[in-house]
Amino acid sequence: MKGGLRALYRTLELPGANPLKDAHAALDAAVLAAYGFSAKKDLLVQLLELNLSVAQRLERAEPVSPPGIPAAFPNPETLITDDCIRPPALG
């Protein structure tokens, strides 16, 4: 792709439907749901509260789930796909 990621992300500024915009909105919604965050509240405050909570659990030597797929998740290979969003053709 000519222009690389910069050119791809500039398509976000174009009016009308945009698959990248849709993908970003879906990802934002999924992340908010996964962390139990609200888009109506200050996201930085929510993230700080989460980090403080994790730090307190670590100080008390309580278990904390690391990032990624939990070790007990059945069939983690089912979470991997080979599909992707294709960027629009740029003039």
C-alpha atoms as a PDB file:
ATOM      1  CA  MET A   1       0.000   0.000   0.000  1.00  0.00           C
ATOM      2  CA  LYS A   2       1.416   3.343  -1.000  1.00  0.00           C
ATOM      3  CA  GLY A   3       1.808   5.639   2.000  1.00  0.00           C
ATOM      4  CA  GLY A   4       1.668   2.891   4.617  1.00  0.00           C
ATOM      5  CA  LEU A   5      -0.338   3.167   7.813  1.00  0.00           C
ATOM      6  CA  ARG A   6      -0.431   6.949   7.649  1.00  0.00           C
ATOM      7  CA  ALA A   7      -2.342   6.801   4.375  1.00  0.00           C
ATOM      8  CA  LEU A   8      -4.628   4.109   5.747  1.00  0.00           C
ATOM      9  CA  TYR A   9      -5.472   6.110   8.855  1.00  0.00           C
ATOM     10  CA  ARG A  10      -6.061   9.260   6.816  1.00  0.00           C
ATOM     11  CA  THR A  11      -9.053   7.444   5.324  1.00  0.00           C
ATOM     12  CA  LEU A  12     -10.696   7.891   8.731  1.00  0.00           C
ATOM     13  CA  GLU A  13     -11.024  11.583   7.929  1.00  0.00           C
ATOM     14  CA  LEU A  14     -13.104  10.900   4.817  1.00  0.00           C
ATOM     15  CA  PRO A  15     -16.879  11.256   5.075  1.00  0.00           C
ATOM     16  CA  GLY A  16     -19.133   8.237   4.803  1.00  0.00           C
ATOM     17  CA  ALA A  17     -18.832   4.599   5.755  1.00  0.00           C
ATOM     18  CA  ASN A  18     -15.384   3.323   6.577  1.00  0.00           C
ATOM     19  CA  PRO A  19     -14.474  -0.262   7.529  1.00  0.00           C
ATOM     20  CA  LEU A  20     -11.549   0.940   9.656  1.00  0.00           C
ATOM     21  CA  LYS A  21     -13.837   3.281  11.614  1.00  0.00           C
ATOM     22  CA  ASP A  22     -16.261   0.407  12.140  1.00  0.00           C
ATOM     23  CA  ALA A  23     -13.429  -1.874  13.292  1.00  0.00           C
ATOM     24  CA  HIS A  24     -12.160   0.756  15.755  1.00  0.00           C
ATOM     25  CA  ALA A  25     -15.671   1.262  17.164  1.00  0.00           C
ATOM     26  CA  ALA A  26     -16.146  -2.507  17.588  1.00  0.00           C
ATOM     27  CA  LEU A  27     -12.747  -2.858  19.258  1.00  0.00           C
ATOM     28  CA  ASP A  28     -13.434   0.080  21.581  1.00  0.00           C
ATOM     29  CA  ALA A  29     -16.775  -1.464  22.604  1.00  0.00           C
ATOM     30  CA  ALA A  30     -15.180  -4.883  23.175  1.00  0.00           C
ATOM     31  CA  VAL A  31     -12.392  -3.434  25.340  1.00  0.00           C
ATOM     32  CA  LEU A  32     -14.840  -1.390  27.422  1.00  0.00           C
ATOM     33  CA  ALA A  33     -16.978  -4.489  27.979  1.00  0.00           C
ATOM     34  CA  ALA A  34     -13.981  -6.698  28.783  1.00  0.00           C
ATOM     35  CA  TYR A  35     -12.774  -4.334  31.506  1.00  0.00           C
ATOM     36  CA  GLY A  36     -16.228  -3.360  32.727  1.00  0.00           C
ATOM     37  CA  PHE A  37     -15.556   0.267  31.858  1.00  0.00           C
ATOM     38  CA  SER A  38     -18.159   2.857  30.886  1.00  0.00           C
ATOM     39  CA  ALA A  39     -17.693   5.158  27.900  1.00  0.00           C
ATOM     40  CA  LYS A  40     -19.664   7.778  29.847  1.00  0.00           C
ATOM     41  CA  LYS A  41     -17.050   7.975  32.610  1.00  0.00           C
ATOM     42  CA  ASP A  42     -13.463   9.228  32.451  1.00  0.00           C
ATOM     43  CA  LEU A  43     -11.493   6.340  30.968  1.00  0.00           C
ATOM     44  CA  LEU A  44      -8.212   7.409  32.568  1.00  0.00           C
ATOM     45  CA  VAL A  45      -9.821   7.429  36.011  1.00  0.00           C
ATOM     46  CA  GLN A  46     -11.241   3.949  35.395  1.00  0.00           C
ATOM     47  CA  LEU A  47      -7.858   2.666  34.213  1.00  0.00           C
ATOM     48  CA  LEU A  48      -6.094   4.175  37.240  1.00  0.00           C
ATOM     49  CA  GLU A  49      -8.637   2.539  39.564  1.00  0.00           C
ATOM     50  CA  LEU A  50      -8.052  -0.818  37.862  1.00  0.00           C
ATOM     51  CA  ASN A  51      -4.275  -0.463  38.120  1.00  0.00           C
ATOM     52  CA  LEU A  52      -4.477   0.512  41.807  1.00  0.00           C
ATOM     53  CA  SER A  53      -6.705  -2.496  42.468  1.00  0.00           C
ATOM     54  CA  VAL A  54      -4.237  -4.831  40.736  1.00  0.00           C
ATOM     55  CA  ALA A  55      -1.324  -3.282  42.643  1.00  0.00           C
ATOM     56  CA  GLN A  56      -3.144  -3.837  45.953  1.00  0.00           C
ATOM     57  CA  ARG A  57      -3.806  -7.482  45.073  1.00  0.00           C
ATOM     58  CA  LEU A  58      -0.144  -7.969  44.180  1.00  0.00           C
ATOM     59  CA  GLU A  59       0.941  -6.397  47.487  1.00  0.00           C
ATOM     60  CA  ARG A  60      -1.295  -8.880  49.325  1.00  0.00           C
ATOM     61  CA  ALA A  61       0.157 -11.727  47.224  1.00  0.00           C
ATOM     62  CA  GLU A  62      -3.300 -12.434  45.799  1.00  0.00           C
ATOM     63  CA  PRO A  63      -3.576 -13.965  42.343  1.00  0.00           C
ATOM     64  CA  VAL A  64      -3.871 -11.598  39.386  1.00  0.00           C
ATOM     65  CA  SER A  65      -4.773 -12.682  35.865  1.00  0.00           C
ATOM     66  CA  PRO A  66      -2.063 -11.684  33.401  1.00  0.00           C
ATOM     67  CA  PRO A  67      -2.894 -10.314  29.944  1.00  0.00           C
ATOM     68  CA  GLY A  68      -3.760 -12.741  27.210  1.00  0.00           C
ATOM     69  CA  ILE A  69      -5.811 -15.871  26.975  1.00  0.00           C
ATOM     70  CA  PRO A  70      -6.336 -17.493  30.382  1.00  0.00           C
ATOM     71  CA  ALA A  71      -4.431 -20.777  30.747  1.00  0.00           C
ATOM     72  CA  ALA A  72      -7.670 -22.641  31.493  1.00  0.00           C
ATOM     73  CA  PHE A  73      -9.439 -21.399  28.355  1.00  0.00           C
ATOM     74  CA  PRO A  74     -10.600 -24.407  26.334  1.00  0.00           C
ATOM     75  CA  ASN A  75      -9.337 -24.531  22.752  1.00  0.00           C
ATOM     76  CA  PRO A  76      -7.529 -21.165  22.503  1.00  0.00           C
ATOM     77  CA  GLU A  77      -6.863 -21.891  18.816  1.00  0.00           C
ATOM     78  CA  THR A  78     -10.551 -21.118  18.181  1.00  0.00           C
ATOM     79  CA  LEU A  79      -9.776 -17.460  18.958  1.00  0.00           C
ATOM     80  CA  ILE A  80      -7.370 -17.136  16.026  1.00  0.00           C
ATOM     81  CA  THR A  81      -8.597 -16.351  12.519  1.00  0.00           C
ATOM     82  CA  ASP A  82      -6.965 -15.521   9.235  1.00  0.00           C
ATOM     83  CA  ASP A  83      -9.502 -12.907   8.157  1.00  0.00           C
ATOM     84  CA  CYS A  84      -8.711  -9.218   8.196  1.00  0.00           C
ATOM     85  CA  ILE A  85     -10.024  -5.861   7.091  1.00  0.00           C
ATOM     86  CA  ARG A  86      -8.849  -4.840   3.669  1.00  0.00           C
ATOM     87  CA  PRO A  87      -7.937  -1.159   3.301  1.00  0.00           C
ATOM     88  CA  PRO A  88      -9.780   0.847   0.685  1.00  0.00           C
ATOM     89  CA  ALA A  89      -7.952   1.599  -2.539  1.00  0.00           C
ATOM     90  CA  LEU A  90      -6.310   5.011  -2.438  1.00  0.00           C
ATOM     91  CA  GLY A  91      -6.076   7.185  -5.494  1.00  0.00           C
END
